[in-house]
C-alpha cells in the first residue's frame, strides 16, 4: 500500500462505520484509526474525537468531500 496520510478526524463510531463502508464500496484504500485506549477508558475519544482515517495522498480530496457530506447529513439528522 502507498504511504498513508491522515485525511480526516472522525467524530464518533457511527460516522467512522459509515465512512468506512462508503470508501470500501468505492474501492478507496484506507485505514480507520481509533483513539480508543482501554488504559485511559476512552478519555482521548471525548477530547479528540473517535479517531481518523488515513489514505494515500491522491485520495485526499475525494475522501474529504465524502467526509464533509457525511458530517453535514449526520448533523442535519440529529438537529431534526
PDB file of N, CA and C in Angstrom:
ATOM      1  N   UNK A   1       0.851  -1.178   0.000  1.00  0.00           N
ATOM      2  CA  UNK A   1       0.000   0.000   0.000  1.00  0.00           C
ATOM      3  C   UNK A   1       0.898   1.241   0.000  1.00  0.00           C
ATOM      4  N   UNK A   2       0.391   2.266  -0.619  1.00  0.00           N
ATOM      5  CA  UNK A   2       1.117   3.535  -0.687  1.00  0.00           C
ATOM      6  C   UNK A   2       1.291   4.144   0.700  1.00  0.00           C
ATOM      7  N   UNK A   3       2.130   5.158   0.776  1.00  0.00           N
ATOM      8  CA  UNK A   3       2.326   5.893   2.021  1.00  0.00           C
ATOM      9  C   UNK A   3       1.007   6.549   2.427  1.00  0.00           C
ATOM     10  N   UNK A   4       0.564   6.296   3.657  1.00  0.00           N
ATOM     11  CA  UNK A   4      -0.720   6.811   4.125  1.00  0.00           C
ATOM     12  C   UNK A   4      -0.550   8.113   4.885  1.00  0.00           C
ATOM     13  N   UNK A   5      -1.523   9.003   4.721  1.00  0.00           N
ATOM     14  CA  UNK A   5      -1.566  10.292   5.405  1.00  0.00           C
ATOM     15  C   UNK A   5      -2.919  10.438   6.097  1.00  0.00           C
ATOM     16  N   UNK A   6      -2.938  11.172   7.204  1.00  0.00           N
ATOM     17  CA  UNK A   6      -4.212  11.448   7.881  1.00  0.00           C
ATOM     18  C   UNK A   6      -5.038  12.361   6.984  1.00  0.00           C
ATOM     19  N   UNK A   7      -6.280  11.969   6.764  1.00  0.00           N
ATOM     20  CA  UNK A   7      -7.148  12.714   5.856  1.00  0.00           C
ATOM     21  C   UNK A   7      -8.244  13.462   6.608  1.00  0.00           C
ATOM     22  N   UNK A   8      -8.864  12.806   7.590  1.00  0.00           N
ATOM     23  CA  UNK A   8      -9.981  13.443   8.290  1.00  0.00           C
ATOM     24  C   UNK A   8     -10.110  12.881   9.698  1.00  0.00           C
ATOM     25  N   UNK A   9     -10.512  13.732  10.636  1.00  0.00           N
ATOM     26  CA  UNK A   9     -10.793  13.311  12.009  1.00  0.00           C
ATOM     27  C   UNK A   9     -12.270  12.961  12.083  1.00  0.00           C
ATOM     28  N   UNK A  10     -12.564  11.846  12.738  1.00  0.00           N
ATOM     29  CA  UNK A  10     -13.929  11.328  12.824  1.00  0.00           C
ATOM     30  C   UNK A  10     -14.507  11.610  14.208  1.00  0.00           C
ATOM     31  N   UNK A  11     -15.752  12.064  14.233  1.00  0.00           N
ATOM     32  CA  UNK A  11     -16.379  12.478  15.485  1.00  0.00           C
ATOM     33  C   UNK A  11     -16.829  11.313  16.367  1.00  0.00           C
ATOM     34  N   UNK A  12     -17.347  10.253  15.738  1.00  0.00           N
ATOM     35  CA  UNK A  12     -17.901   9.151  16.521  1.00  0.00           C
ATOM     36  C   UNK A  12     -17.872   7.853  15.729  1.00  0.00           C
ATOM     37  N   UNK A  13     -18.247   6.769  16.390  1.00  0.00           N
ATOM     38  CA  UNK A  13     -18.211   5.454  15.773  1.00  0.00           C
ATOM     39  C   UNK A  13     -19.173   5.290  14.608  1.00  0.00           C
ATOM     40  N   UNK A  14     -20.310   5.947  14.666  1.00  0.00           N
ATOM     41  CA  UNK A  14     -21.280   5.854  13.570  1.00  0.00           C
ATOM     42  C   UNK A  14     -20.706   6.489  12.317  1.00  0.00           C
ATOM     43  N   UNK A  15     -20.144   7.671  12.460  1.00  0.00           N
ATOM     44  CA  UNK A  15     -19.520   8.345  11.325  1.00  0.00           C
ATOM     45  C   UNK A  15     -18.385   7.483  10.762  1.00  0.00           C
ATOM     46  N   UNK A  16     -17.605   6.873  11.650  1.00  0.00           N
ATOM     47  CA  UNK A  16     -16.496   6.022  11.216  1.00  0.00           C
ATOM     48  C   UNK A  16     -17.002   4.814  10.420  1.00  0.00           C
ATOM     49  N   UNK A  17     -18.048   4.163  10.896  1.00  0.00           N
ATOM     50  CA  UNK A  17     -18.595   2.995  10.202  1.00  0.00           C
ATOM     51  C   UNK A  17     -19.168   3.375   8.834  1.00  0.00           C
ATOM     52  N   UNK A  18     -19.897   4.473   8.791  1.00  0.00           N
ATOM     53  CA  UNK A  18     -20.477   4.898   7.518  1.00  0.00           C
ATOM     54  C   UNK A  18     -19.394   5.259   6.501  1.00  0.00           C
ATOM     55  N   UNK A  19     -18.394   6.024   6.932  1.00  0.00           N
ATOM     56  CA  UNK A  19     -17.317   6.412   6.024  1.00  0.00           C
ATOM     57  C   UNK A  19     -16.540   5.187   5.568  1.00  0.00           C
ATOM     58  N   UNK A  20     -16.269   4.266   6.473  1.00  0.00           N
ATOM     59  CA  UNK A  20     -15.562   3.034   6.129  1.00  0.00           C
ATOM     60  C   UNK A  20     -16.330   2.262   5.051  1.00  0.00           C
ATOM     61  N   UNK A  21     -17.645   2.163   5.200  1.00  0.00           N
ATOM     62  CA  UNK A  21     -18.480   1.449   4.225  1.00  0.00           C
ATOM     63  C   UNK A  21     -18.449   2.122   2.855  1.00  0.00           C
ATOM     64  N   UNK A  22     -18.562   3.443   2.841  1.00  0.00           N
ATOM     65  CA  UNK A  22     -18.562   4.187   1.576  1.00  0.00           C
ATOM     66  C   UNK A  22     -17.224   4.031   0.861  1.00  0.00           C
ATOM     67  N   UNK A  23     -16.133   4.169   1.599  1.00  0.00           N
ATOM     68  CA  UNK A  23     -14.809   4.061   0.985  1.00  0.00           C
ATOM     69  C   UNK A  23     -14.555   2.644   0.471  1.00  0.00           C
ATOM     70  N   UNK A  24     -14.976   1.640   1.224  1.00  0.00           N
ATOM     71  CA  UNK A  24     -14.815   0.250   0.780  1.00  0.00           C
ATOM     72  C   UNK A  24     -15.636  -0.007  -0.485  1.00  0.00           C
ATOM     73  N   UNK A  25     -16.868   0.519  -0.510  1.00  0.00           N
ATOM     74  CA  UNK A  25     -17.746   0.355  -1.674  1.00  0.00           C
ATOM     75  C   UNK A  25     -17.129   0.972  -2.930  1.00  0.00           C
ATOM     76  N   UNK A  26     -16.403   2.073  -2.751  1.00  0.00           N
ATOM     77  CA  UNK A  26     -15.775   2.766  -3.881  1.00  0.00           C
ATOM     78  C   UNK A  26     -14.346   2.290  -4.147  1.00  0.00           C
ATOM     79  N   UNK A  27     -13.936   1.244  -3.427  1.00  0.00           N
ATOM     80  CA  UNK A  27     -12.590   0.671  -3.566  1.00  0.00           C
ATOM     81  C   UNK A  27     -11.479   1.698  -3.345  1.00  0.00           C
ATOM     82  N   UNK A  28     -11.678   2.560  -2.364  1.00  0.00           N
ATOM     83  CA  UNK A  28     -10.668   3.555  -1.999  1.00  0.00           C
ATOM     84  C   UNK A  28      -9.855   2.968  -0.842  1.00  0.00           C
ATOM     85  N   UNK A  29      -8.555   2.772  -1.034  1.00  0.00           N
ATOM     86  CA  UNK A  29      -7.746   2.205   0.048  1.00  0.00           C
ATOM     87  C   UNK A  29      -7.678   3.170   1.231  1.00  0.00           C
ATOM     88  N   UNK A  30      -7.859   2.631   2.435  1.00  0.00           N
ATOM     89  CA  UNK A  30      -7.875   3.462   3.629  1.00  0.00           C
ATOM     90  C   UNK A  30      -7.677   2.611   4.877  1.00  0.00           C
ATOM     91  N   UNK A  31      -7.379   3.281   5.988  1.00  0.00           N
ATOM     92  CA  UNK A  31      -7.270   2.639   7.294  1.00  0.00           C
ATOM     93  C   UNK A  31      -7.983   3.533   8.294  1.00  0.00           C
ATOM     94  N   UNK A  32      -8.852   2.938   9.090  1.00  0.00           N
ATOM     95  CA  UNK A  32      -9.532   3.664  10.148  1.00  0.00           C
ATOM     96  C   UNK A  32      -8.707   3.496  11.423  1.00  0.00           C
ATOM     97  N   UNK A  33      -8.360   4.599  12.080  1.00  0.00           N
ATOM     98  CA  UNK A  33      -7.530   4.574  13.281  1.00  0.00           C
ATOM     99  C   UNK A  33      -8.346   5.129  14.449  1.00  0.00           C
ATOM    100  N   UNK A  34      -8.617   4.281  15.441  1.00  0.00           N
ATOM    101  CA  UNK A  34      -9.380   4.690  16.615  1.00  0.00           C
ATOM    102  C   UNK A  34      -8.443   5.255  17.684  1.00  0.00           C
ATOM    103  N   UNK A  35      -8.913   6.274  18.391  1.00  0.00           N
ATOM    104  CA  UNK A  35      -8.159   6.834  19.504  1.00  0.00           C
ATOM    105  C   UNK A  35      -8.480   6.121  20.821  1.00  0.00           C
ATOM    106  N   UNK A  36      -9.298   5.104  20.753  1.00  0.00           N
ATOM    107  CA  UNK A  36      -9.707   4.364  21.954  1.00  0.00           C
ATOM    108  C   UNK A  36      -8.491   3.719  22.608  1.00  0.00           C
ATOM    109  N   UNK A  37      -8.345   3.938  23.895  1.00  0.00           N
ATOM    110  CA  UNK A  37      -7.274   3.326  24.668  1.00  0.00           C
ATOM    111  C   UNK A  37      -7.898   2.834  25.965  1.00  0.00           C
ATOM    112  N   UNK A  38      -7.994   1.525  26.115  1.00  0.00           N
ATOM    113  CA  UNK A  38      -8.672   0.971  27.286  1.00  0.00           C
ATOM    114  C   UNK A  38      -7.981   1.351  28.593  1.00  0.00           C
ATOM    115  N   UNK A  39      -6.688   1.614  28.547  1.00  0.00           N
ATOM    116  CA  UNK A  39      -5.969   2.009  29.767  1.00  0.00           C
ATOM    117  C   UNK A  39      -6.479   3.349  30.302  1.00  0.00           C
ATOM    118  N   UNK A  40      -6.973   4.194  29.396  1.00  0.00           N
ATOM    119  CA  UNK A  40      -7.480   5.509  29.801  1.00  0.00           C
ATOM    120  C   UNK A  40      -8.997   5.601  29.680  1.00  0.00           C
ATOM    121  N   UNK A  41      -9.649   4.446  29.494  1.00  0.00           N
ATOM    122  CA  UNK A  41     -11.109   4.349  29.448  1.00  0.00           C
ATOM    123  C   UNK A  41     -11.751   5.306  28.446  1.00  0.00           C
ATOM    124  N   UNK A  42     -11.115   5.493  27.300  1.00  0.00           N
ATOM    125  CA  UNK A  42     -11.706   6.285  26.225  1.00  0.00           C
ATOM    126  C   UNK A  42     -11.646   7.784  26.401  1.00  0.00           C
ATOM    127  N   UNK A  43     -10.888   8.280  27.351  1.00  0.00           N
ATOM    128  CA  UNK A  43     -10.849   9.729  27.609  1.00  0.00           C
ATOM    129  C   UNK A  43     -10.368  10.519  26.395  1.00  0.00           C
ATOM    130  N   UNK A  44      -9.469   9.951  25.603  1.00  0.00           N
ATOM    131  CA  UNK A  44      -8.966  10.668  24.432  1.00  0.00           C
ATOM    132  C   UNK A  44     -10.047  10.816  23.364  1.00  0.00           C
ATOM    133  N   UNK A  45     -10.974   9.865  23.294  1.00  0.00           N
ATOM    134  CA  UNK A  45     -12.046   9.975  22.312  1.00  0.00           C
ATOM    135  C   UNK A  45     -12.988  11.123  22.654  1.00  0.00           C
ATOM    136  N   UNK A  46     -13.158  11.416  23.906  1.00  0.00           N
ATOM    137  CA  UNK A  46     -14.014  12.530  24.308  1.00  0.00           C
ATOM    138  C   UNK A  46     -13.380  13.850  23.880  1.00  0.00           C
ATOM    139  N   UNK A  47     -12.080  13.955  24.032  1.00  0.00           N
ATOM    140  CA  UNK A  47     -11.377  15.206  23.731  1.00  0.00           C
ATOM    141  C   UNK A  47     -10.957  15.341  22.274  1.00  0.00           C
ATOM    142  N   UNK A  48     -10.596  14.241  21.634  1.00  0.00           N
ATOM    143  CA  UNK A  48     -10.002  14.309  20.297  1.00  0.00           C
ATOM    144  C   UNK A  48     -10.884  13.747  19.192  1.00  0.00           C
ATOM    145  N   UNK A  49     -12.030  13.184  19.509  1.00  0.00           N
ATOM    146  CA  UNK A  49     -12.876  12.556  18.509  1.00  0.00           C
ATOM    147  C   UNK A  49     -12.666  11.054  18.514  1.00  0.00           C
ATOM    148  N   UNK A  50     -13.442  10.351  17.719  1.00  0.00           N
ATOM    149  CA  UNK A  50     -13.378   8.894  17.683  1.00  0.00           C
ATOM    150  C   UNK A  50     -12.021   8.400  17.189  1.00  0.00           C
ATOM    151  N   UNK A  51     -11.508   9.065  16.168  1.00  0.00           N
ATOM    152  CA  UNK A  51     -10.250   8.650  15.548  1.00  0.00           C
ATOM    153  C   UNK A  51     -10.073   9.398  14.235  1.00  0.00           C
ATOM    154  N   UNK A  52      -9.356   8.781  13.303  1.00  0.00           N
ATOM    155  CA  UNK A  52      -9.185   9.418  11.994  1.00  0.00           C
ATOM    156  C   UNK A  52      -9.060   8.363  10.904  1.00  0.00           C
ATOM    157  N   UNK A  53      -9.135   8.824   9.676  1.00  0.00           N
ATOM    158  CA  UNK A  53      -8.965   7.939   8.527  1.00  0.00           C
ATOM    159  C   UNK A  53      -7.667   8.334   7.827  1.00  0.00           C
ATOM    160  N   UNK A  54      -6.895   7.316   7.458  1.00  0.00           N
ATOM    161  CA  UNK A  54      -5.665   7.519   6.700  1.00  0.00           C
ATOM    162  C   UNK A  54      -5.836   6.907   5.316  1.00  0.00           C
ATOM    163  N   UNK A  55      -5.215   7.548   4.327  1.00  0.00           N
ATOM    164  CA  UNK A  55      -5.314   7.062   2.950  1.00  0.00           C
ATOM    165  C   UNK A  55      -4.152   7.642   2.139  1.00  0.00           C
ATOM    166  N   UNK A  56      -3.913   7.072   0.960  1.00  0.00           N
ATOM    167  CA  UNK A  56      -2.899   7.662   0.083  1.00  0.00           C
ATOM    168  C   UNK A  56      -3.272   9.101  -0.273  1.00  0.00           C
ATOM    169  N   UNK A  57      -2.281   9.956  -0.405  1.00  0.00           N
ATOM    170  CA  UNK A  57      -2.478  11.383  -0.681  1.00  0.00           C
ATOM    171  C   UNK A  57      -3.385  11.635  -1.877  1.00  0.00           C
ATOM    172  N   UNK A  58      -3.297  10.809  -2.902  1.00  0.00           N
ATOM    173  CA  UNK A  58      -4.077  11.053  -4.120  1.00  0.00           C
ATOM    174  C   UNK A  58      -5.590  10.914  -3.914  1.00  0.00           C
ATOM    175  N   UNK A  59      -6.017  10.343  -2.779  1.00  0.00           N
ATOM    176  CA  UNK A  59      -7.447  10.213  -2.480  1.00  0.00           C
ATOM    177  C   UNK A  59      -7.931  11.285  -1.500  1.00  0.00           C
ATOM    178  N   UNK A  60      -7.046  12.149  -1.061  1.00  0.00           N
ATOM    179  CA  UNK A  60      -7.371  13.132  -0.013  1.00  0.00           C
ATOM    180  C   UNK A  60      -8.623  13.957  -0.337  1.00  0.00           C
ATOM    181  N   UNK A  61      -8.655  14.561  -1.501  1.00  0.00           N
ATOM    182  CA  UNK A  61      -9.781  15.443  -1.841  1.00  0.00           C
ATOM    183  C   UNK A  61     -11.100  14.670  -1.919  1.00  0.00           C
ATOM    184  N   UNK A  62     -11.065  13.493  -2.516  1.00  0.00           N
ATOM    185  CA  UNK A  62     -12.278  12.691  -2.645  1.00  0.00           C
ATOM    186  C   UNK A  62     -12.805  12.275  -1.266  1.00  0.00           C
ATOM    187  N   UNK A  63     -11.912  11.815  -0.397  1.00  0.00           N
ATOM    188  CA  UNK A  63     -12.327  11.401   0.949  1.00  0.00           C
ATOM    189  C   UNK A  63     -12.799  12.607   1.756  1.00  0.00           C
ATOM    190  N   UNK A  64     -12.113  13.720   1.641  1.00  0.00           N
ATOM    191  CA  UNK A  64     -12.523  14.929   2.369  1.00  0.00           C
ATOM    192  C   UNK A  64     -13.930  15.368   1.952  1.00  0.00           C
ATOM    193  N   UNK A  65     -14.238  15.287   0.673  1.00  0.00           N
ATOM    194  CA  UNK A  65     -15.569  15.666   0.188  1.00  0.00           C
ATOM    195  C   UNK A  65     -16.633  14.705   0.722  1.00  0.00           C
ATOM    196  N   UNK A  66     -16.336  13.413   0.712  1.00  0.00           N
ATOM    197  CA  UNK A  66     -17.275  12.414   1.240  1.00  0.00           C
ATOM    198  C   UNK A  66     -17.482  12.654   2.733  1.00  0.00           C
ATOM    199  N   UNK A  67     -16.397  12.884   3.458  1.00  0.00           N
ATOM    200  CA  UNK A  67     -16.468  13.134   4.904  1.00  0.00           C
ATOM    201  C   UNK A  67     -17.304  14.385   5.206  1.00  0.00           C
ATOM    202  N   UNK A  68     -17.096  15.432   4.440  1.00  0.00           N
ATOM    203  CA  UNK A  68     -17.848  16.673   4.645  1.00  0.00           C
ATOM    204  C   UNK A  68     -19.341  16.452   4.409  1.00  0.00           C
ATOM    205  N   UNK A  69     -19.693  15.772   3.323  1.00  0.00           N
ATOM    206  CA  UNK A  69     -21.102  15.482   3.034  1.00  0.00           C
ATOM    207  C   UNK A  69     -21.727  14.620   4.134  1.00  0.00           C
ATOM    208  N   UNK A  70     -20.991  13.611   4.557  1.00  0.00           N
ATOM    209  CA  UNK A  70     -21.485  12.711   5.591  1.00  0.00           C
ATOM    210  C   UNK A  70     -21.686  13.458   6.913  1.00  0.00           C
ATOM    211  N   UNK A  71     -20.751  14.300   7.277  1.00  0.00           N
ATOM    212  CA  UNK A  71     -20.866  15.091   8.511  1.00  0.00           C
ATOM    213  C   UNK A  71     -22.070  16.015   8.461  1.00  0.00           C
ATOM    214  N   UNK A  72     -22.271  16.651   7.322  1.00  0.00           N
ATOM    215  CA  UNK A  72     -23.405  17.555   7.162  1.00  0.00           C
ATOM    216  C   UNK A  72     -24.717  16.785   7.315  1.00  0.00           C
ATOM    217  N   UNK A  73     -24.812  15.645   6.655  1.00  0.00           N
ATOM    218  CA  UNK A  73     -26.040  14.841   6.732  1.00  0.00           C
ATOM    219  C   UNK A  73     -26.311  14.358   8.168  1.00  0.00           C
ATOM    220  N   UNK A  74     -25.290  13.915   8.858  1.00  0.00           N
ATOM    221  CA  UNK A  74     -25.475  13.445  10.232  1.00  0.00           C
ATOM    222  C   UNK A  74     -25.891  14.577  11.165  1.00  0.00           C
ATOM    223  N   UNK A  75     -25.331  15.758  10.971  1.00  0.00           N
ATOM    224  CA  UNK A  75     -25.696  16.904  11.819  1.00  0.00           C
ATOM    225  C   UNK A  75     -27.118  17.367  11.520  1.00  0.00           C
ATOM    226  N   UNK A  76     -27.519  17.320  10.249  1.00  0.00           N
ATOM    227  CA  UNK A  76     -28.888  17.709   9.896  1.00  0.00           C
ATOM    228  C   UNK A  76     -29.884  16.740  10.498  1.00  0.00           C
ATOM    229  N   UNK A  77     -29.588  15.438  10.452  1.00  0.00           N
ATOM    230  CA  UNK A  77     -30.483  14.438  11.013  1.00  0.00           C
ATOM    231  C   UNK A  77     -30.603  14.589  12.527  1.00  0.00           C
ATOM    232  N   UNK A  78     -29.509  14.888  13.194  1.00  0.00           N
ATOM    233  CA  UNK A  78     -29.546  14.995  14.651  1.00  0.00           C
ATOM    234  C   UNK A  78     -30.241  16.267  15.132  1.00  0.00           C
ATOM    235  N   UNK A  79     -30.340  17.276  14.271  1.00  0.00           N
ATOM    236  CA  UNK A  79     -30.984  18.532  14.679  1.00  0.00           C
ATOM    237  C   UNK A  79     -32.486  18.528  14.384  1.00  0.00           C
ATOM    238  N   UNK A  80     -32.982  17.493  13.761  1.00  0.00           N
ATOM    239  CA  UNK A  80     -34.427  17.435  13.439  1.00  0.00           C
ATOM    240  C   UNK A  80     -35.211  16.792  14.529  1.00  0.00           C
TER     241      UNK A  80
END
